[in-house]
Every structure is written in structure tokens, then in C-alpha cells.
Amino acid sequence: YQSQLYSLKLSNNGACGSIKLFLFQFNLQTSFPNLQSLAIIEPSVDEYQNIMKMLLTMSQLKHLSIKMTALSSVHCEIFSIQSLKTCILSYDGIISFQKIQSSLSSDIEHLTLDGFYLNEINLLFHHLPHIRCLIINKLSLRTTNFILSSTNLSIMKLNCDLSVRFHSIELLLTSLTQLKEFSFTANGNEYL
């Protein structure tokens, strides 16, 4: 029956230690060879690292969703999963792409991030050359100076915080020539 499983959700939410127990009983690589979709909710750092090691060799995995309170360099490992097409990263805080190796490239086409700096959008496009859909739930800006490169992005949804001004969004939009769908929200930003 395990070879017929295509989607799996592992969670420590409300049941601390559940993921550890599951990983003790099952090896994701060997037990679920046809796994295409995986959701991981609140893993410990050790559990996360163990799962990432297994996922690197899973050639069927297309969709990955991670909800984690403490998130640091999660993206480095995720972008090494070559079969991955859709990725959702939910976490507290803003993720940085500056620590990713410049040669690392991923085939991810759909990416959702809870927090992201607009200044690093070129890094994101560099590491995700095939990205078509980008959803950022909290877009922030560290400095107003950034240069954009071209991309094939066709869908973008942004929810901006107080640090992002209209001219930054305007610059972003003029650079995204393939964009077909754009959604923008700026809650509490009277000076946009």
C-alpha cells in the first residue's frame, strides 16, 4: 500500500514528537517511492534536516510545503531537490537568499513565501529561472536601491508592509514584462 501513496502530511502541531515517531517507523525514500506531495508542519530542526536528506534523492516529489516557526537556511536544501515544481514556505520572519551558492539553480515554477525582501528579488530569479508564479505574503524593503533582471514570471501576488513604497512596486512591475496576473495588498500603508 505504501507504493500507492502519492501525498503525505507530517505534523507536530498539537502532537509533539509525531514526526520523529513517523520517521522512526518509515524511511521516506524506501517506504514511499511514488510520493509526489509532502507537507511538513512544525518539524524540529533535527527532523527537518533528516527529511531534507531523504528528499534530495526522491525523484517523484513535485510539491513541498513547510510550516516552521524557526526557519533559517531552509531554502538552500529545498532548491537542491531537482524534481520540485511547487514550494510553499510558511514561517515567522523574512527569508534571505544571500546565503545560497551562486551556481545553485532550481526548476521550481510556483513559489509561496511568507516573508521576503524586495531587494533580493534578482537573487530569487537567478536561482529560480523557471519561476512562473510567485506569492509573497509579506514583502519588505531594506534599501530603495535594487536593479531587476528579466524573468518569465507570469503570476505575482504581493502583500506589502510599511517599508515598501509605490515607486519600488512600479519599478518591479515595469521589469516584469511577461507578467499576466498581479495582485497587490498593502494593509496599513497610508504613505504608499
N, C-alpha and C. Protein backbone atom coordinates (compact mmCIF):
# COMPACT_ATOMS: atom_id res chain seq x y z
N TYR A 1 0.82 -1.20 0.00
CA TYR A 1 0.00 0.00 0.00
C TYR A 1 0.86 1.26 0.00
N GLN A 2 2.06 1.20 0.56
CA GLN A 2 2.90 2.40 0.66
C GLN A 2 3.32 2.92 -0.71
N SER A 3 3.50 2.03 -1.67
CA SER A 3 3.90 2.47 -3.01
C SER A 3 2.76 3.18 -3.73
N GLN A 4 1.54 3.07 -3.21
CA GLN A 4 0.38 3.74 -3.80
C GLN A 4 0.14 5.11 -3.17
N LEU A 5 0.93 5.49 -2.20
CA LEU A 5 0.76 6.77 -1.53
C LEU A 5 1.46 7.87 -2.33
N TYR A 6 0.70 8.91 -2.69
CA TYR A 6 1.24 10.00 -3.50
C TYR A 6 1.35 11.31 -2.74
N SER A 7 0.62 11.42 -1.63
CA SER A 7 0.62 12.65 -0.85
C SER A 7 0.71 12.31 0.64
N LEU A 8 1.49 13.10 1.37
CA LEU A 8 1.71 12.83 2.79
C LEU A 8 1.82 14.14 3.55
N LYS A 9 1.21 14.16 4.74
CA LYS A 9 1.28 15.33 5.61
C LYS A 9 1.81 14.88 6.97
N LEU A 10 2.95 15.44 7.38
CA LEU A 10 3.55 15.14 8.68
C LEU A 10 3.46 16.38 9.55
N SER A 11 2.98 16.22 10.79
CA SER A 11 2.77 17.38 11.64
C SER A 11 3.11 17.11 13.10
N ASN A 12 3.77 18.08 13.71
CA ASN A 12 3.97 18.08 15.16
C ASN A 12 2.99 19.02 15.84
N ASN A 13 2.14 19.66 15.08
CA ASN A 13 1.19 20.62 15.60
C ASN A 13 0.15 19.90 16.47
N GLY A 14 0.16 20.18 17.75
CA GLY A 14 -0.77 19.56 18.68
C GLY A 14 -0.35 18.18 19.15
N ALA A 15 0.73 17.65 18.61
CA ALA A 15 1.19 16.31 18.99
C ALA A 15 2.71 16.27 18.84
N CYS A 16 3.38 16.86 19.78
CA CYS A 16 4.84 16.96 19.73
C CYS A 16 5.47 15.57 19.63
N GLY A 17 6.39 15.42 18.71
CA GLY A 17 7.08 14.15 18.55
C GLY A 17 6.47 13.23 17.50
N SER A 18 5.38 13.63 16.89
CA SER A 18 4.72 12.78 15.89
C SER A 18 5.61 12.52 14.67
N ILE A 19 6.30 13.56 14.20
CA ILE A 19 7.17 13.40 13.03
C ILE A 19 8.33 12.47 13.36
N LYS A 20 8.90 12.63 14.55
CA LYS A 20 10.01 11.78 14.97
C LYS A 20 9.58 10.32 15.00
N LEU A 21 8.41 10.06 15.55
CA LEU A 21 7.88 8.70 15.61
C LEU A 21 7.66 8.13 14.20
N PHE A 22 7.10 8.95 13.32
CA PHE A 22 6.86 8.51 11.95
C PHE A 22 8.18 8.17 11.25
N LEU A 23 9.17 9.04 11.40
CA LEU A 23 10.47 8.81 10.75
C LEU A 23 11.20 7.60 11.35
N PHE A 24 10.90 7.28 12.61
CA PHE A 24 11.47 6.08 13.22
C PHE A 24 10.88 4.82 12.56
N GLN A 25 9.60 4.90 12.22
CA GLN A 25 8.90 3.75 11.63
C GLN A 25 9.11 3.62 10.12
N PHE A 26 9.25 4.77 9.43
CA PHE A 26 9.30 4.75 7.96
C PHE A 26 10.46 5.59 7.43
N ASN A 27 11.04 5.12 6.35
CA ASN A 27 12.03 5.89 5.61
C ASN A 27 11.31 6.43 4.37
N LEU A 28 11.28 7.75 4.22
CA LEU A 28 10.54 8.34 3.10
C LEU A 28 11.01 7.84 1.74
N GLN A 29 12.31 7.66 1.60
CA GLN A 29 12.87 7.22 0.32
C GLN A 29 12.41 5.83 -0.07
N THR A 30 12.53 4.90 0.85
CA THR A 30 12.24 3.50 0.52
C THR A 30 10.77 3.12 0.73
N SER A 31 10.13 3.72 1.70
CA SER A 31 8.74 3.35 2.01
C SER A 31 7.72 3.98 1.06
N PHE A 32 8.05 5.16 0.52
CA PHE A 32 7.09 5.88 -0.32
C PHE A 32 7.75 6.30 -1.64
N PRO A 33 8.05 5.35 -2.51
CA PRO A 33 8.80 5.65 -3.73
C PRO A 33 8.04 6.53 -4.73
N ASN A 34 6.72 6.60 -4.62
CA ASN A 34 5.92 7.39 -5.56
C ASN A 34 5.40 8.69 -4.95
N LEU A 35 5.94 9.09 -3.83
CA LEU A 35 5.49 10.30 -3.15
C LEU A 35 5.70 11.53 -4.04
N GLN A 36 4.62 12.25 -4.30
CA GLN A 36 4.68 13.44 -5.15
C GLN A 36 4.45 14.73 -4.38
N SER A 37 3.78 14.65 -3.24
CA SER A 37 3.44 15.84 -2.47
C SER A 37 3.70 15.60 -0.99
N LEU A 38 4.41 16.52 -0.35
CA LEU A 38 4.72 16.38 1.07
C LEU A 38 4.49 17.70 1.78
N ALA A 39 3.75 17.65 2.88
CA ALA A 39 3.55 18.81 3.75
C ALA A 39 4.17 18.48 5.11
N ILE A 40 4.99 19.39 5.61
CA ILE A 40 5.65 19.20 6.90
C ILE A 40 5.27 20.39 7.77
N ILE A 41 4.70 20.10 8.94
CA ILE A 41 4.23 21.17 9.83
C ILE A 41 4.96 21.10 11.16
N GLU A 42 5.66 22.16 11.47
CA GLU A 42 6.40 22.35 12.72
C GLU A 42 7.37 21.21 13.06
N PRO A 43 8.24 20.84 12.14
CA PRO A 43 9.26 19.84 12.50
C PRO A 43 10.33 20.47 13.39
N SER A 44 10.99 19.66 14.18
CA SER A 44 12.16 20.16 14.91
C SER A 44 13.28 20.35 13.89
N VAL A 45 14.34 21.01 14.28
CA VAL A 45 15.47 21.23 13.38
C VAL A 45 16.06 19.90 12.93
N ASP A 46 16.21 18.96 13.87
CA ASP A 46 16.75 17.63 13.53
C ASP A 46 15.84 16.88 12.56
N GLU A 47 14.53 16.93 12.82
CA GLU A 47 13.58 16.26 11.94
C GLU A 47 13.63 16.87 10.54
N TYR A 48 13.68 18.19 10.50
CA TYR A 48 13.76 18.89 9.22
C TYR A 48 15.00 18.45 8.43
N GLN A 49 16.15 18.44 9.10
CA GLN A 49 17.40 18.06 8.43
C GLN A 49 17.35 16.61 7.93
N ASN A 50 16.80 15.71 8.73
CA ASN A 50 16.67 14.30 8.31
C ASN A 50 15.76 14.17 7.09
N ILE A 51 14.65 14.89 7.11
CA ILE A 51 13.72 14.83 5.98
C ILE A 51 14.37 15.39 4.72
N MET A 52 15.08 16.50 4.84
CA MET A 52 15.73 17.11 3.67
C MET A 52 16.75 16.16 3.04
N LYS A 53 17.49 15.44 3.85
CA LYS A 53 18.46 14.48 3.31
C LYS A 53 17.75 13.41 2.48
N MET A 54 16.60 12.96 2.96
CA MET A 54 15.85 11.94 2.23
C MET A 54 15.25 12.50 0.94
N LEU A 55 14.77 13.73 0.99
CA LEU A 55 14.09 14.31 -0.17
C LEU A 55 15.01 14.57 -1.35
N LEU A 56 16.28 14.77 -1.08
CA LEU A 56 17.23 15.08 -2.15
C LEU A 56 17.30 13.99 -3.21
N THR A 57 16.98 12.77 -2.84
CA THR A 57 17.05 11.66 -3.79
C THR A 57 15.68 11.17 -4.26
N MET A 58 14.62 11.85 -3.86
CA MET A 58 13.27 11.43 -4.25
C MET A 58 12.89 12.10 -5.57
N SER A 59 12.96 11.35 -6.64
CA SER A 59 12.78 11.91 -7.98
C SER A 59 11.32 12.18 -8.35
N GLN A 60 10.37 11.69 -7.57
CA GLN A 60 8.95 11.88 -7.88
C GLN A 60 8.35 13.11 -7.20
N LEU A 61 9.03 13.67 -6.21
CA LEU A 61 8.47 14.77 -5.42
C LEU A 61 8.31 16.04 -6.26
N LYS A 62 7.08 16.52 -6.37
CA LYS A 62 6.78 17.71 -7.17
C LYS A 62 6.33 18.88 -6.31
N HIS A 63 5.72 18.59 -5.16
CA HIS A 63 5.12 19.64 -4.32
C HIS A 63 5.64 19.49 -2.88
N LEU A 64 6.11 20.60 -2.32
CA LEU A 64 6.60 20.59 -0.94
C LEU A 64 6.07 21.81 -0.21
N SER A 65 5.50 21.58 0.96
CA SER A 65 5.00 22.65 1.81
C SER A 65 5.61 22.48 3.19
N ILE A 66 6.22 23.56 3.70
CA ILE A 66 6.84 23.51 5.02
C ILE A 66 6.33 24.67 5.85
N LYS A 67 5.80 24.34 7.03
CA LYS A 67 5.41 25.36 8.00
C LYS A 67 6.31 25.16 9.21
N MET A 68 7.11 26.18 9.49
CA MET A 68 8.12 26.04 10.53
C MET A 68 8.31 27.39 11.22
N THR A 69 8.25 27.39 12.55
CA THR A 69 8.42 28.64 13.29
C THR A 69 9.85 29.15 13.18
N ALA A 70 10.81 28.30 13.42
CA ALA A 70 12.22 28.69 13.35
C ALA A 70 12.78 28.26 12.00
N LEU A 71 12.95 29.22 11.11
CA LEU A 71 13.44 28.91 9.78
C LEU A 71 14.71 29.69 9.52
N SER A 72 15.74 29.02 9.05
CA SER A 72 17.00 29.74 8.78
C SER A 72 17.40 29.56 7.34
N SER A 73 18.07 28.47 7.03
CA SER A 73 18.56 28.27 5.67
C SER A 73 17.78 27.17 4.96
N VAL A 74 16.51 27.11 5.22
CA VAL A 74 15.66 26.07 4.65
C VAL A 74 15.73 26.05 3.13
N HIS A 75 15.81 27.19 2.52
CA HIS A 75 15.75 27.28 1.07
C HIS A 75 16.93 26.64 0.36
N CYS A 76 18.09 26.64 0.96
CA CYS A 76 19.27 26.03 0.32
C CYS A 76 19.03 24.56 0.00
N GLU A 77 18.54 23.81 0.95
CA GLU A 77 18.28 22.40 0.75
C GLU A 77 17.12 22.18 -0.21
N ILE A 78 16.09 22.97 -0.06
CA ILE A 78 14.90 22.81 -0.89
C ILE A 78 15.22 23.02 -2.36
N PHE A 79 16.03 24.02 -2.66
CA PHE A 79 16.34 24.31 -4.05
C PHE A 79 17.25 23.26 -4.68
N SER A 80 17.75 22.35 -3.88
CA SER A 80 18.56 21.25 -4.41
C SER A 80 17.71 20.04 -4.82
N ILE A 81 16.42 20.06 -4.51
CA ILE A 81 15.51 18.98 -4.91
C ILE A 81 15.11 19.23 -6.36
N GLN A 82 15.74 18.52 -7.28
CA GLN A 82 15.61 18.81 -8.71
C GLN A 82 14.22 18.58 -9.28
N SER A 83 13.44 17.67 -8.74
CA SER A 83 12.12 17.37 -9.29
C SER A 83 11.04 18.34 -8.83
N LEU A 84 11.34 19.18 -7.85
CA LEU A 84 10.35 20.06 -7.22
C LEU A 84 9.84 21.13 -8.18
N LYS A 85 8.51 21.27 -8.26
CA LYS A 85 7.88 22.27 -9.12
C LYS A 85 7.12 23.33 -8.32
N THR A 86 6.57 22.93 -7.16
CA THR A 86 5.80 23.85 -6.32
C THR A 86 6.34 23.80 -4.90
N CYS A 87 6.54 24.98 -4.32
CA CYS A 87 7.08 25.05 -2.96
C CYS A 87 6.37 26.15 -2.18
N ILE A 88 5.92 25.82 -0.97
CA ILE A 88 5.27 26.77 -0.08
C ILE A 88 6.06 26.78 1.22
N LEU A 89 6.58 27.96 1.59
CA LEU A 89 7.36 28.10 2.83
C LEU A 89 6.64 29.06 3.76
N SER A 90 6.12 28.52 4.87
CA SER A 90 5.43 29.32 5.88
C SER A 90 6.27 29.35 7.13
N TYR A 91 6.56 30.53 7.64
CA TYR A 91 7.46 30.67 8.77
C TYR A 91 7.29 32.04 9.39
N ASP A 92 7.88 32.24 10.54
CA ASP A 92 7.90 33.55 11.19
C ASP A 92 9.15 34.27 10.74
N GLY A 93 9.00 35.43 10.16
CA GLY A 93 10.16 36.21 9.74
C GLY A 93 10.31 36.28 8.24
N ILE A 94 11.45 36.80 7.83
CA ILE A 94 11.76 37.02 6.42
C ILE A 94 12.95 36.18 6.03
N ILE A 95 12.82 35.46 4.95
CA ILE A 95 13.89 34.58 4.48
C ILE A 95 14.82 35.36 3.55
N SER A 96 16.10 35.04 3.64
CA SER A 96 17.10 35.68 2.80
C SER A 96 17.69 34.68 1.82
N PHE A 97 17.94 35.14 0.62
CA PHE A 97 18.53 34.29 -0.42
C PHE A 97 20.03 34.54 -0.57
N GLN A 98 20.60 35.39 0.25
CA GLN A 98 22.01 35.77 0.09
C GLN A 98 22.98 34.63 0.38
N LYS A 99 22.58 33.63 1.14
CA LYS A 99 23.50 32.55 1.51
C LYS A 99 23.49 31.39 0.52
N ILE A 100 22.68 31.47 -0.52
CA ILE A 100 22.62 30.39 -1.50
C ILE A 100 23.82 30.49 -2.43
N GLN A 101 24.40 29.35 -2.75
CA GLN A 101 25.52 29.32 -3.69
C GLN A 101 25.08 29.90 -5.02
N SER A 102 25.95 30.70 -5.64
CA SER A 102 25.58 31.37 -6.88
C SER A 102 25.28 30.39 -8.01
N SER A 103 25.84 29.19 -7.97
CA SER A 103 25.62 28.22 -9.04
C SER A 103 24.35 27.39 -8.85
N LEU A 104 23.71 27.48 -7.68
CA LEU A 104 22.53 26.67 -7.38
C LEU A 104 21.33 27.18 -8.18
N SER A 105 20.69 26.28 -8.89
CA SER A 105 19.53 26.62 -9.70
C SER A 105 18.46 25.55 -9.49
N SER A 106 17.20 25.97 -9.51
CA SER A 106 16.10 25.05 -9.26
C SER A 106 15.07 25.15 -10.37
N ASP A 107 14.29 24.08 -10.56
CA ASP A 107 13.21 24.06 -11.55
C ASP A 107 11.86 24.44 -10.96
N ILE A 108 11.84 25.00 -9.76
CA ILE A 108 10.59 25.41 -9.13
C ILE A 108 9.88 26.43 -10.02
N GLU A 109 8.58 26.19 -10.25
CA GLU A 109 7.77 27.08 -11.08
C GLU A 109 6.80 27.91 -10.25
N HIS A 110 6.39 27.40 -9.10
CA HIS A 110 5.43 28.08 -8.23
C HIS A 110 6.03 28.17 -6.83
N LEU A 111 6.17 29.39 -6.32
CA LEU A 111 6.78 29.59 -5.01
C LEU A 111 5.93 30.53 -4.18
N THR A 112 5.66 30.12 -2.93
CA THR A 112 4.97 30.97 -1.97
C THR A 112 5.87 31.15 -0.77
N LEU A 113 6.11 32.41 -0.40
CA LEU A 113 6.94 32.75 0.75
C LEU A 113 6.13 33.60 1.71
N ASP A 114 6.30 33.38 3.01
CA ASP A 114 5.62 34.23 3.98
C ASP A 114 6.26 35.60 4.07
N GLY A 115 7.58 35.68 4.00
CA GLY A 115 8.27 36.96 4.08
C GLY A 115 9.47 36.99 3.17
N PHE A 116 9.69 38.15 2.54
CA PHE A 116 10.78 38.25 1.58
C PHE A 116 11.17 39.72 1.41
N TYR A 117 12.47 39.96 1.16
CA TYR A 117 12.96 41.31 0.88
C TYR A 117 12.94 41.56 -0.62
N LEU A 118 12.32 42.63 -1.04
CA LEU A 118 12.27 43.01 -2.44
C LEU A 118 13.68 43.18 -3.01
N ASN A 119 14.62 43.62 -2.19
CA ASN A 119 16.00 43.83 -2.64
C ASN A 119 16.65 42.55 -3.15
N GLU A 120 16.14 41.40 -2.75
CA GLU A 120 16.75 40.13 -3.14
C GLU A 120 16.01 39.44 -4.28
N ILE A 121 15.14 40.17 -4.95
CA ILE A 121 14.34 39.53 -6.00
C ILE A 121 15.19 39.04 -7.16
N ASN A 122 16.28 39.74 -7.47
CA ASN A 122 17.18 39.26 -8.53
C ASN A 122 17.82 37.94 -8.15
N LEU A 123 18.19 37.79 -6.89
CA LEU A 123 18.74 36.51 -6.43
C LEU A 123 17.71 35.39 -6.59
N LEU A 124 16.49 35.69 -6.24
CA LEU A 124 15.42 34.70 -6.37
C LEU A 124 15.26 34.31 -7.84
N PHE A 125 15.20 35.29 -8.74
CA PHE A 125 15.05 34.99 -10.17
C PHE A 125 16.27 34.24 -10.71
N HIS A 126 17.44 34.54 -10.19
CA HIS A 126 18.66 33.86 -10.63
C HIS A 126 18.62 32.37 -10.25
N HIS A 127 18.18 32.09 -9.05
CA HIS A 127 18.15 30.71 -8.57
C HIS A 127 16.91 29.93 -9.05
N LEU A 128 15.90 30.67 -9.49
CA LEU A 128 14.66 30.04 -9.97
C LEU A 128 14.35 30.54 -11.39
N PRO A 129 15.14 30.16 -12.37
CA PRO A 129 14.95 30.70 -13.72
C PRO A 129 13.64 30.28 -14.39
N HIS A 130 12.98 29.24 -13.88
CA HIS A 130 11.74 28.74 -14.48
C HIS A 130 10.50 29.19 -13.72
N ILE A 131 10.66 30.09 -12.76
CA ILE A 131 9.52 30.50 -11.93
C ILE A 131 8.47 31.20 -12.79
N ARG A 132 7.21 30.80 -12.58
CA ARG A 132 6.09 31.39 -13.30
C ARG A 132 5.10 32.06 -12.35
N CYS A 133 5.04 31.57 -11.11
CA CYS A 133 4.09 32.12 -10.14
C CYS A 133 4.81 32.37 -8.83
N LEU A 134 4.73 33.60 -8.33
CA LEU A 134 5.37 33.98 -7.07
C LEU A 134 4.35 34.66 -6.18
N ILE A 135 4.19 34.12 -4.97
CA ILE A 135 3.29 34.71 -3.98
C ILE A 135 4.13 35.05 -2.76
N ILE A 136 4.11 36.32 -2.37
CA ILE A 136 4.84 36.77 -1.18
C ILE A 136 3.82 37.39 -0.23
N ASN A 137 3.66 36.78 0.94
CA ASN A 137 2.65 37.24 1.88
C ASN A 137 3.06 38.46 2.68
N LYS A 138 4.37 38.71 2.79
CA LYS A 138 4.84 39.93 3.45
C LYS A 138 6.11 40.38 2.75
N LEU A 139 5.96 41.36 1.88
CA LEU A 139 7.08 41.91 1.13
C LEU A 139 7.66 43.09 1.91
N SER A 140 8.96 43.07 2.14
CA SER A 140 9.65 44.15 2.86
C SER A 140 10.76 44.70 1.98
N LEU A 141 11.28 45.85 2.39
CA LEU A 141 12.34 46.51 1.64
C LEU A 141 13.38 47.00 2.62
N ARG A 142 14.65 46.61 2.39
CA ARG A 142 15.75 47.06 3.26
C ARG A 142 16.32 48.38 2.78
N THR A 143 16.55 48.50 1.48
CA THR A 143 17.01 49.76 0.89
C THR A 143 16.19 50.01 -0.36
N THR A 144 16.24 51.22 -0.86
CA THR A 144 15.44 51.55 -2.05
C THR A 144 16.20 51.30 -3.34
N ASN A 145 17.47 50.90 -3.25
CA ASN A 145 18.27 50.67 -4.45
C ASN A 145 18.28 49.19 -4.81
N PHE A 146 17.69 48.85 -5.92
CA PHE A 146 17.77 47.50 -6.43
C PHE A 146 17.55 47.53 -7.94
N ILE A 147 18.18 46.60 -8.63
CA ILE A 147 18.08 46.50 -10.08
C ILE A 147 17.46 45.15 -10.40
N LEU A 148 16.55 45.13 -11.35
CA LEU A 148 15.86 43.89 -11.69
C LEU A 148 16.34 43.32 -13.01
N SER A 149 16.41 42.01 -13.05
CA SER A 149 16.73 41.32 -14.30
C SER A 149 15.43 40.74 -14.87
N SER A 150 15.47 40.34 -16.11
CA SER A 150 14.26 39.81 -16.73
C SER A 150 13.97 38.39 -16.23
N THR A 151 12.71 38.03 -16.28
CA THR A 151 12.26 36.72 -15.83
C THR A 151 11.02 36.33 -16.62
N ASN A 152 10.65 35.08 -16.55
CA ASN A 152 9.44 34.59 -17.21
C ASN A 152 8.24 34.57 -16.28
N LEU A 153 8.33 35.24 -15.17
CA LEU A 153 7.25 35.26 -14.18
C LEU A 153 5.96 35.77 -14.82
N SER A 154 4.87 35.02 -14.67
CA SER A 154 3.60 35.43 -15.26
C SER A 154 2.53 35.74 -14.22
N ILE A 155 2.70 35.24 -12.99
CA ILE A 155 1.73 35.49 -11.92
C ILE A 155 2.47 35.95 -10.67
N MET A 156 2.02 37.06 -10.08
CA MET A 156 2.64 37.55 -8.86
C MET A 156 1.57 38.09 -7.92
N LYS A 157 1.66 37.70 -6.65
CA LYS A 157 0.76 38.21 -5.62
C LYS A 157 1.63 38.72 -4.48
N LEU A 158 1.42 39.98 -4.10
CA LEU A 158 2.22 40.61 -3.05
C LEU A 158 1.35 41.19 -1.96
N ASN A 159 1.80 41.06 -0.73
CA ASN A 159 1.21 41.73 0.41
C ASN A 159 2.35 42.50 1.07
N CYS A 160 2.34 43.82 0.94
CA CYS A 160 3.48 44.65 1.35
C CYS A 160 3.34 45.19 2.77
N ASP A 161 4.50 45.40 3.41
CA ASP A 161 4.50 46.05 4.71
C ASP A 161 4.81 47.53 4.53
N LEU A 162 4.98 48.24 5.64
CA LEU A 162 5.16 49.69 5.61
C LEU A 162 6.46 50.15 4.97
N SER A 163 7.44 49.27 4.81
CA SER A 163 8.73 49.69 4.26
C SER A 163 8.74 49.81 2.74
N VAL A 164 7.73 49.28 2.07
CA VAL A 164 7.70 49.28 0.60
C VAL A 164 6.88 50.46 0.10
N ARG A 165 7.48 51.27 -0.76
CA ARG A 165 6.82 52.44 -1.33
C ARG A 165 6.35 52.14 -2.76
N PHE A 166 5.45 52.98 -3.25
CA PHE A 166 4.87 52.75 -4.57
C PHE A 166 5.92 52.72 -5.68
N HIS A 167 6.92 53.60 -5.63
CA HIS A 167 7.92 53.63 -6.70
C HIS A 167 8.69 52.31 -6.80
N SER A 168 8.85 51.61 -5.69
CA SER A 168 9.51 50.30 -5.72
C SER A 168 8.64 49.27 -6.42
N ILE A 169 7.35 49.30 -6.16
CA ILE A 169 6.42 48.39 -6.82
C ILE A 169 6.34 48.72 -8.31
N GLU A 170 6.32 50.01 -8.63
CA GLU A 170 6.28 50.45 -10.03
C GLU A 170 7.52 49.96 -10.79
N LEU A 171 8.69 50.09 -10.19
CA LEU A 171 9.92 49.61 -10.80
C LEU A 171 9.87 48.10 -11.01
N LEU A 172 9.38 47.40 -10.02
CA LEU A 172 9.24 45.95 -10.13
C LEU A 172 8.33 45.58 -11.30
N LEU A 173 7.19 46.22 -11.40
CA LEU A 173 6.22 45.89 -12.45
C LEU A 173 6.74 46.20 -13.85
N THR A 174 7.45 47.30 -14.02
CA THR A 174 7.98 47.64 -15.34
C THR A 174 9.04 46.66 -15.80
N SER A 175 9.66 45.97 -14.87
CA SER A 175 10.70 44.99 -15.21
C SER A 175 10.15 43.61 -15.52
N LEU A 176 8.94 43.36 -15.11
CA LEU A 176 8.34 42.03 -15.30
C LEU A 176 7.47 42.03 -16.56
N THR A 177 8.11 41.92 -17.70
CA THR A 177 7.43 42.07 -18.99
C THR A 177 6.50 40.90 -19.33
N GLN A 178 6.69 39.75 -18.72
CA GLN A 178 5.86 38.58 -19.01
C GLN A 178 4.67 38.45 -18.05
N LEU A 179 4.55 39.39 -17.11
CA LEU A 179 3.52 39.31 -16.08
C LEU A 179 2.12 39.43 -16.69
N LYS A 180 1.25 38.47 -16.36
CA LYS A 180 -0.12 38.46 -16.87
C LYS A 180 -1.13 38.69 -15.75
N GLU A 181 -0.77 38.31 -14.54
CA GLU A 181 -1.69 38.44 -13.41
C GLU A 181 -0.94 39.01 -12.22
N PHE A 182 -1.49 40.07 -11.62
CA PHE A 182 -0.83 40.73 -10.49
C PHE A 182 -1.86 41.08 -9.43
N SER A 183 -1.58 40.70 -8.20
CA SER A 183 -2.44 41.03 -7.07
C SER A 183 -1.59 41.74 -6.03
N PHE A 184 -2.11 42.84 -5.49
CA PHE A 184 -1.33 43.67 -4.59
C PHE A 184 -2.18 44.10 -3.40
N THR A 185 -1.63 43.94 -2.20
CA THR A 185 -2.29 44.38 -0.98
C THR A 185 -1.26 45.11 -0.12
N ALA A 186 -1.68 46.24 0.46
CA ALA A 186 -0.79 46.99 1.34
C ALA A 186 -1.59 47.43 2.56
N ASN A 187 -1.77 46.54 3.49
CA ASN A 187 -2.53 46.84 4.70
C ASN A 187 -1.81 47.82 5.59
N GLY A 188 -2.49 48.87 5.98
CA GLY A 188 -1.93 49.85 6.91
C GLY A 188 -0.83 50.69 6.33
N ASN A 189 -0.76 50.81 5.03
CA ASN A 189 0.32 51.58 4.40
C ASN A 189 -0.28 52.83 3.77
N GLU A 190 -0.49 53.87 4.56
CA GLU A 190 -1.13 55.10 4.10
C GLU A 190 -0.22 55.91 3.18
N TYR A 191 1.09 55.69 3.25
CA TYR A 191 2.05 56.50 2.50
C TYR A 191 2.53 55.82 1.24
N LEU A 192 1.86 54.79 0.82
CA LEU A 192 2.27 54.02 -0.35
C LEU A 192 2.31 54.92 -1.56
